[in-house]
Amino acid sequence: PVRISAAGMAIPLPEKIVDQASKGVNRQGFGYGGEDAYFFCEGRHGTFGMGVADGIYGWRDAGVDSGEMSRALMRTAMDMVAHGLDDVYKVLDLSTRHVLAEGLRGSC
């Protein structure tokens, strides 16, 4: 059988670190830095899932925290994969709908 091993690292540019939330945080299977976030995990049925959300720094000038959106989107997608959802389009669609319903804006 084929087995996938993954690792991730988020390191934001120093000039983009304006507060604690924008610093790089890397945990087992989930991380973020600046406006970007990632996840990787194994689902209930052995399905491997991973995602990267690339937030847009310039939205900060318009009062939008795209980093919060990226983190919430990847956290939600990771939970869905971990609980057995293995259709990538459904994971992205449902994650985006969930995050938007929570009041976060910024998904394209």
Protein backbone atom coordinates (compact mmCIF):
# COMPACT_ATOMS: atom_id res chain seq x y z
CA PRO A 1 0.00 0.00 0.00
CA VAL A 2 0.98 3.61 -0.60
CA ARG A 3 1.39 5.83 2.45
CA ILE A 4 1.70 9.62 2.33
CA SER A 5 3.80 11.60 4.80
CA ALA A 6 3.48 15.37 4.91
CA ALA A 7 4.89 18.34 6.74
CA GLY A 8 4.19 22.04 6.57
CA MET A 9 5.77 25.30 7.66
CA ALA A 10 4.37 28.83 7.59
CA ILE A 11 6.90 31.64 7.85
CA PRO A 12 5.50 35.12 7.16
CA LEU A 13 7.62 37.97 5.88
CA PRO A 14 8.91 40.00 8.86
CA GLU A 15 7.36 43.23 7.53
CA LYS A 16 3.91 41.59 7.54
CA ILE A 17 3.98 40.72 11.24
CA VAL A 18 1.86 43.40 12.87
CA ASP A 19 0.43 41.43 15.82
CA GLN A 20 0.50 38.01 17.49
CA ALA A 21 -2.15 36.59 15.11
CA SER A 22 0.05 37.24 12.08
CA LYS A 23 3.13 35.42 13.42
CA GLY A 24 3.94 31.97 12.13
CA VAL A 25 2.30 29.13 14.04
CA ASN A 26 2.98 25.53 13.07
CA ARG A 27 1.32 22.60 14.77
CA GLN A 28 0.92 18.98 13.77
CA GLY A 29 -1.24 19.14 10.66
CA PHE A 30 -2.19 22.84 10.85
CA GLY A 31 -0.36 26.14 10.61
CA TYR A 32 -0.56 29.74 9.56
CA GLY A 33 1.55 32.81 9.07
CA GLY A 34 0.51 36.29 8.04
CA GLU A 35 -2.56 35.89 5.80
CA ASP A 36 -1.85 32.29 4.80
CA ALA A 37 -2.87 28.98 6.37
CA TYR A 38 -2.52 25.28 5.65
CA PHE A 39 -3.64 21.89 6.90
CA PHE A 40 -3.00 18.23 6.25
CA CYS A 41 -4.65 15.24 7.88
CA GLU A 42 -5.88 11.72 7.38
CA GLY A 43 -9.61 11.22 7.18
CA ARG A 44 -11.75 8.57 8.82
CA HIS A 45 -11.41 6.16 5.90
CA GLY A 46 -7.68 6.65 5.37
CA THR A 47 -8.15 9.48 2.86
CA PHE A 48 -5.33 12.04 2.92
CA GLY A 49 -6.39 15.67 2.73
CA MET A 50 -4.44 18.89 2.51
CA GLY A 51 -5.15 22.49 1.70
CA VAL A 52 -3.53 25.90 1.46
CA ALA A 53 -5.36 29.22 1.76
CA ASP A 54 -3.41 32.18 0.44
CA GLY A 55 -4.83 35.34 1.98
CA ILE A 56 -4.42 38.77 0.37
CA TYR A 57 -2.31 41.20 2.39
CA GLY A 58 -3.68 44.26 0.57
CA TRP A 59 -7.18 43.65 1.92
CA ARG A 60 -5.91 44.87 5.30
CA ASP A 61 -6.15 48.43 3.91
CA ALA A 62 -9.88 47.84 3.33
CA GLY A 63 -10.36 46.60 6.90
CA VAL A 64 -10.55 42.89 5.96
CA ASP A 65 -8.49 40.36 7.91
CA SER A 66 -7.82 37.80 5.20
CA GLY A 67 -5.61 35.86 7.63
CA GLU A 68 -8.61 35.18 9.86
CA MET A 69 -10.52 33.98 6.80
CA SER A 70 -7.66 31.70 5.71
CA ARG A 71 -7.29 30.18 9.18
CA ALA A 72 -11.02 29.57 9.59
CA LEU A 73 -11.31 28.07 6.10
CA MET A 74 -8.43 25.63 6.65
CA ARG A 75 -9.58 24.70 10.18
CA THR A 76 -13.07 23.93 8.87
CA ALA A 77 -11.77 21.97 5.86
CA MET A 78 -9.46 19.95 8.13
CA ASP A 79 -12.37 19.06 10.42
CA MET A 80 -14.48 17.94 7.46
CA VAL A 81 -11.73 15.71 6.05
CA ALA A 82 -10.95 14.30 9.51
CA HIS A 83 -14.63 13.38 9.91
CA GLY A 84 -14.73 11.47 6.63
CA LEU A 85 -15.67 13.89 3.85
CA ASP A 86 -13.42 12.95 0.93
CA ASP A 87 -14.81 14.95 -2.02
CA VAL A 88 -12.47 17.92 -2.49
CA TYR A 89 -15.14 20.11 -4.11
CA LYS A 90 -17.60 19.47 -1.28
CA VAL A 91 -14.93 20.16 1.33
CA LEU A 92 -14.10 23.52 -0.25
CA ASP A 93 -17.73 24.46 -0.91
CA LEU A 94 -19.02 23.50 2.55
CA SER A 95 -16.02 25.04 4.31
CA THR A 96 -16.49 28.32 2.48
CA ARG A 97 -20.23 28.37 3.19
CA HIS A 98 -19.62 27.64 6.87
CA VAL A 99 -16.99 30.36 7.23
CA LEU A 100 -19.14 32.93 5.39
CA ALA A 101 -22.11 32.02 7.60
CA GLU A 102 -19.89 32.83 10.59
CA GLY A 103 -19.56 36.36 9.22
CA LEU A 104 -16.05 36.21 7.78
CA ARG A 105 -15.53 37.71 4.34
CA GLY A 106 -12.76 37.29 1.82
CA SER A 107 -13.29 34.00 -0.03
CA CYS A 108 -13.24 34.24 -3.78
